[in-house]
Amino acid sequence: MALCRREIARLLPRFLRYAYALVRDQEMAADLVRETALKALAANCRLQDAEALRPWLFTILRNTWLDRMRRHRTRGDGEADAADMSGIPRDTVMSRLSRARRALIARMESGNVRSIETARRRGKQVRARAAGRTVKGR
């Protein structure tokens, strides 16, 4: 187990680079690496050879990413449509939607209606810019 922990720590920068190459989002890449480390530690790092441990850990990382992709693929097509229209990877769209929902819920729970109106206006401006239109007034 100690070998596994040391190897995970040593390979962390490589894991992050590989995960980022898969998802193109720093936050999601970090989540993917954390999940990989937890899975490896939960399996008690059965491998004792450092040379065999590295490919095993990268396989866990890749399979975790594939599992996430499959899970997201089975959800509604709204996220896929948004990803296709914006040219942003679907996982990134899902992550941003999730953060936006949390922020909206927090604003609603705090009773800060003004911040909700500001966010609504900014959303209109962003959508207009994405469509190539200009927004007059605020």
C-alpha atoms as a PDB file:
ATOM      1  CA  MET A   1       0.000   0.000   0.000  1.00  0.00           C
ATOM      2  CA  ALA A   2       2.867   2.382   0.786  1.00  0.00           C
ATOM      3  CA  LEU A   3       4.369   1.699  -2.635  1.00  0.00           C
ATOM      4  CA  CYS A   4       1.042   2.511  -4.242  1.00  0.00           C
ATOM      5  CA  ARG A   5       0.676   5.811  -2.375  1.00  0.00           C
ATOM      6  CA  ARG A   6       4.219   6.857  -3.294  1.00  0.00           C
ATOM      7  CA  GLU A   7       3.699   5.877  -6.926  1.00  0.00           C
ATOM      8  CA  ILE A   8       0.396   7.764  -7.142  1.00  0.00           C
ATOM      9  CA  ALA A   9       2.053  10.855  -5.668  1.00  0.00           C
ATOM     10  CA  ARG A  10       4.986  10.531  -8.058  1.00  0.00           C
ATOM     11  CA  LEU A  11       2.736  10.103 -11.107  1.00  0.00           C
ATOM     12  CA  LEU A  12       0.245  12.819 -10.172  1.00  0.00           C
ATOM     13  CA  PRO A  13       1.509  15.384 -12.738  1.00  0.00           C
ATOM     14  CA  ARG A  14       1.331  12.760 -15.507  1.00  0.00           C
ATOM     15  CA  PHE A  15      -2.167  11.739 -14.407  1.00  0.00           C
ATOM     16  CA  LEU A  16      -3.308  15.356 -14.530  1.00  0.00           C
ATOM     17  CA  ARG A  17      -1.838  15.915 -18.001  1.00  0.00           C
ATOM     18  CA  TYR A  18      -3.427  12.732 -19.329  1.00  0.00           C
ATOM     19  CA  ALA A  19      -6.795  13.496 -17.715  1.00  0.00           C
ATOM     20  CA  TYR A  20      -6.723  17.035 -19.109  1.00  0.00           C
ATOM     21  CA  ALA A  21      -5.998  15.664 -22.574  1.00  0.00           C
ATOM     22  CA  LEU A  22      -9.127  13.533 -22.231  1.00  0.00           C
ATOM     23  CA  VAL A  23     -11.574  16.108 -20.861  1.00  0.00           C
ATOM     24  CA  ARG A  24     -10.013  19.516 -21.714  1.00  0.00           C
ATOM     25  CA  ASP A  25     -11.141  20.974 -18.371  1.00  0.00           C
ATOM     26  CA  GLN A  26      -8.825  21.446 -15.383  1.00  0.00           C
ATOM     27  CA  GLU A  27     -11.530  20.945 -12.760  1.00  0.00           C
ATOM     28  CA  MET A  28     -12.873  17.790 -14.363  1.00  0.00           C
ATOM     29  CA  ALA A  29      -9.344  16.457 -14.896  1.00  0.00           C
ATOM     30  CA  ALA A  30      -8.596  16.914 -11.191  1.00  0.00           C
ATOM     31  CA  ASP A  31     -11.855  15.112 -10.305  1.00  0.00           C
ATOM     32  CA  LEU A  32     -10.939  12.274 -12.626  1.00  0.00           C
ATOM     33  CA  VAL A  33      -7.493  11.912 -11.034  1.00  0.00           C
ATOM     34  CA  ARG A  34      -8.982  11.949  -7.518  1.00  0.00           C
ATOM     35  CA  GLU A  35     -11.475   9.263  -8.455  1.00  0.00           C
ATOM     36  CA  THR A  36      -8.686   7.182  -9.989  1.00  0.00           C
ATOM     37  CA  ALA A  37      -6.555   7.446  -6.851  1.00  0.00           C
ATOM     38  CA  LEU A  38      -9.490   6.464  -4.660  1.00  0.00           C
ATOM     39  CA  LYS A  39     -10.256   3.440  -6.820  1.00  0.00           C
ATOM     40  CA  ALA A  40      -6.632   2.324  -6.764  1.00  0.00           C
ATOM     41  CA  LEU A  41      -6.392   2.713  -2.991  1.00  0.00           C
ATOM     42  CA  ALA A  42      -9.742   0.965  -2.488  1.00  0.00           C
ATOM     43  CA  ALA A  43      -8.376  -1.986  -4.471  1.00  0.00           C
ATOM     44  CA  ASN A  44      -5.458  -2.045  -2.010  1.00  0.00           C
ATOM     45  CA  CYS A  45      -3.032  -1.598  -4.903  1.00  0.00           C
ATOM     46  CA  ARG A  46      -2.736  -5.303  -5.523  1.00  0.00           C
ATOM     47  CA  LEU A  47       0.361  -4.858  -7.651  1.00  0.00           C
ATOM     48  CA  GLN A  48       3.652  -4.665  -5.810  1.00  0.00           C
ATOM     49  CA  ASP A  49       5.888  -4.050  -8.827  1.00  0.00           C
ATOM     50  CA  ALA A  50       6.346  -0.329  -9.536  1.00  0.00           C
ATOM     51  CA  GLU A  51       6.744  -1.023 -13.270  1.00  0.00           C
ATOM     52  CA  ALA A  52       3.399  -2.836 -13.440  1.00  0.00           C
ATOM     53  CA  LEU A  53       1.700  -0.300 -11.165  1.00  0.00           C
ATOM     54  CA  ARG A  54       2.045   2.623 -13.575  1.00  0.00           C
ATOM     55  CA  PRO A  55       0.134   1.093 -16.526  1.00  0.00           C
ATOM     56  CA  TRP A  56      -2.451  -0.324 -14.100  1.00  0.00           C
ATOM     57  CA  LEU A  57      -3.106   3.166 -12.687  1.00  0.00           C
ATOM     58  CA  PHE A  58      -3.369   4.716 -16.156  1.00  0.00           C
ATOM     59  CA  THR A  59      -5.815   1.967 -17.135  1.00  0.00           C
ATOM     60  CA  ILE A  60      -7.955   2.822 -14.120  1.00  0.00           C
ATOM     61  CA  LEU A  61      -7.866   6.489 -15.159  1.00  0.00           C
ATOM     62  CA  ARG A  62      -8.875   5.733 -18.748  1.00  0.00           C
ATOM     63  CA  ASN A  63     -11.638   3.331 -17.698  1.00  0.00           C
ATOM     64  CA  THR A  64     -12.988   5.849 -15.195  1.00  0.00           C
ATOM     65  CA  TRP A  65     -13.153   8.441 -17.967  1.00  0.00           C
ATOM     66  CA  LEU A  66     -14.890   5.974 -20.298  1.00  0.00           C
ATOM     67  CA  ASP A  67     -17.418   5.127 -17.581  1.00  0.00           C
ATOM     68  CA  ARG A  68     -18.192   8.809 -17.156  1.00  0.00           C
ATOM     69  CA  MET A  69     -18.607   9.255 -20.893  1.00  0.00           C
ATOM     70  CA  ARG A  70     -21.013   6.311 -21.056  1.00  0.00           C
ATOM     71  CA  ARG A  71     -23.028   7.640 -18.116  1.00  0.00           C
ATOM     72  CA  HIS A  72     -23.309  11.075 -19.689  1.00  0.00           C
ATOM     73  CA  ARG A  73     -24.222   9.609 -23.046  1.00  0.00           C
ATOM     74  CA  THR A  74     -27.268   7.889 -21.557  1.00  0.00           C
ATOM     75  CA  ARG A  75     -28.654  11.182 -20.227  1.00  0.00           C
ATOM     76  CA  GLY A  76     -30.844  13.570 -22.216  1.00  0.00           C
ATOM     77  CA  ASP A  77     -29.671  15.099 -25.459  1.00  0.00           C
ATOM     78  CA  GLY A  78     -29.880  18.711 -24.244  1.00  0.00           C
ATOM     79  CA  GLU A  79     -26.311  18.699 -23.041  1.00  0.00           C
ATOM     80  CA  ALA A  80     -25.101  17.058 -26.245  1.00  0.00           C
ATOM     81  CA  ASP A  81     -26.903  19.677 -28.322  1.00  0.00           C
ATOM     82  CA  ALA A  82     -25.390  22.498 -26.257  1.00  0.00           C
ATOM     83  CA  ALA A  83     -21.939  20.941 -26.620  1.00  0.00           C
ATOM     84  CA  ASP A  84     -22.331  20.505 -30.382  1.00  0.00           C
ATOM     85  CA  MET A  85     -23.596  24.059 -30.915  1.00  0.00           C
ATOM     86  CA  SER A  86     -20.873  25.648 -28.783  1.00  0.00           C
ATOM     87  CA  GLY A  87     -17.989  23.412 -29.823  1.00  0.00           C
ATOM     88  CA  ILE A  88     -17.246  22.719 -26.156  1.00  0.00           C
ATOM     89  CA  PRO A  89     -16.758  19.144 -24.903  1.00  0.00           C
ATOM     90  CA  ARG A  90     -19.901  17.681 -23.364  1.00  0.00           C
ATOM     91  CA  ASP A  91     -18.267  17.062 -19.982  1.00  0.00           C
ATOM     92  CA  THR A  92     -17.309  20.724 -19.835  1.00  0.00           C
ATOM     93  CA  VAL A  93     -20.892  21.735 -20.634  1.00  0.00           C
ATOM     94  CA  MET A  94     -22.147  19.409 -17.900  1.00  0.00           C
ATOM     95  CA  SER A  95     -19.664  20.834 -15.410  1.00  0.00           C
ATOM     96  CA  ARG A  96     -20.567  24.427 -16.229  1.00  0.00           C
ATOM     97  CA  LEU A  97     -24.288  23.698 -16.040  1.00  0.00           C
ATOM     98  CA  SER A  98     -23.806  22.058 -12.674  1.00  0.00           C
ATOM     99  CA  ARG A  99     -21.869  25.043 -11.318  1.00  0.00           C
ATOM    100  CA  ALA A 100     -24.462  27.456 -12.701  1.00  0.00           C
ATOM    101  CA  ARG A 101     -27.306  25.507 -11.072  1.00  0.00           C
ATOM    102  CA  ARG A 102     -25.509  25.527  -7.711  1.00  0.00           C
ATOM    103  CA  ALA A 103     -24.862  29.265  -7.980  1.00  0.00           C
ATOM    104  CA  LEU A 104     -28.494  29.962  -8.885  1.00  0.00           C
ATOM    105  CA  ILE A 105     -29.781  27.875  -5.992  1.00  0.00           C
ATOM    106  CA  ALA A 106     -27.430  29.682  -3.600  1.00  0.00           C
ATOM    107  CA  ARG A 107     -28.623  33.062  -4.865  1.00  0.00           C
ATOM    108  CA  MET A 108     -32.256  32.046  -4.592  1.00  0.00           C
ATOM    109  CA  GLU A 109     -31.782  30.712  -1.063  1.00  0.00           C
ATOM    110  CA  SER A 110     -30.053  33.921   0.003  1.00  0.00           C
ATOM    111  CA  GLY A 111     -32.951  35.970  -1.365  1.00  0.00           C
ATOM    112  CA  ASN A 112     -30.592  38.068  -3.464  1.00  0.00           C
ATOM    113  CA  VAL A 113     -32.967  38.810  -6.332  1.00  0.00           C
ATOM    114  CA  ARG A 114     -30.751  41.579  -7.670  1.00  0.00           C
ATOM    115  CA  SER A 115     -27.890  39.144  -8.325  1.00  0.00           C
ATOM    116  CA  ILE A 116     -30.337  36.831 -10.121  1.00  0.00           C
ATOM    117  CA  GLU A 117     -31.430  39.698 -12.395  1.00  0.00           C
ATOM    118  CA  THR A 118     -27.792  40.596 -13.075  1.00  0.00           C
ATOM    119  CA  ALA A 119     -27.007  36.969 -13.931  1.00  0.00           C
ATOM    120  CA  ARG A 120     -30.045  36.821 -16.220  1.00  0.00           C
ATOM    121  CA  ARG A 121     -28.889  39.920 -18.113  1.00  0.00           C
ATOM    122  CA  ARG A 122     -25.350  38.571 -18.416  1.00  0.00           C
ATOM    123  CA  GLY A 123     -26.728  35.292 -19.732  1.00  0.00           C
ATOM    124  CA  LYS A 124     -28.636  37.153 -22.442  1.00  0.00           C
ATOM    125  CA  GLN A 125     -25.504  39.072 -23.368  1.00  0.00           C
ATOM    126  CA  VAL A 126     -23.439  35.893 -23.581  1.00  0.00           C
ATOM    127  CA  ARG A 127     -26.068  34.145 -25.723  1.00  0.00           C
ATOM    128  CA  ALA A 128     -26.317  37.180 -28.006  1.00  0.00           C
ATOM    129  CA  ARG A 129     -22.539  37.345 -28.416  1.00  0.00           C
ATOM    130  CA  ALA A 130     -22.408  33.635 -29.184  1.00  0.00           C
ATOM    131  CA  ALA A 131     -25.040  34.170 -31.871  1.00  0.00           C
ATOM    132  CA  GLY A 132     -23.042  37.070 -33.318  1.00  0.00           C
ATOM    133  CA  ARG A 133     -25.495  39.788 -32.243  1.00  0.00           C
ATOM    134  CA  THR A 134     -24.824  42.901 -30.205  1.00  0.00           C
ATOM    135  CA  VAL A 135     -26.773  43.717 -27.056  1.00  0.00           C
ATOM    136  CA  LYS A 136     -27.958  47.290 -26.606  1.00  0.00           C
ATOM    137  CA  GLY A 137     -28.501  48.682 -23.145  1.00  0.00           C
ATOM    138  CA  ARG A 138     -28.383  46.840 -19.896  1.00  0.00           C
END
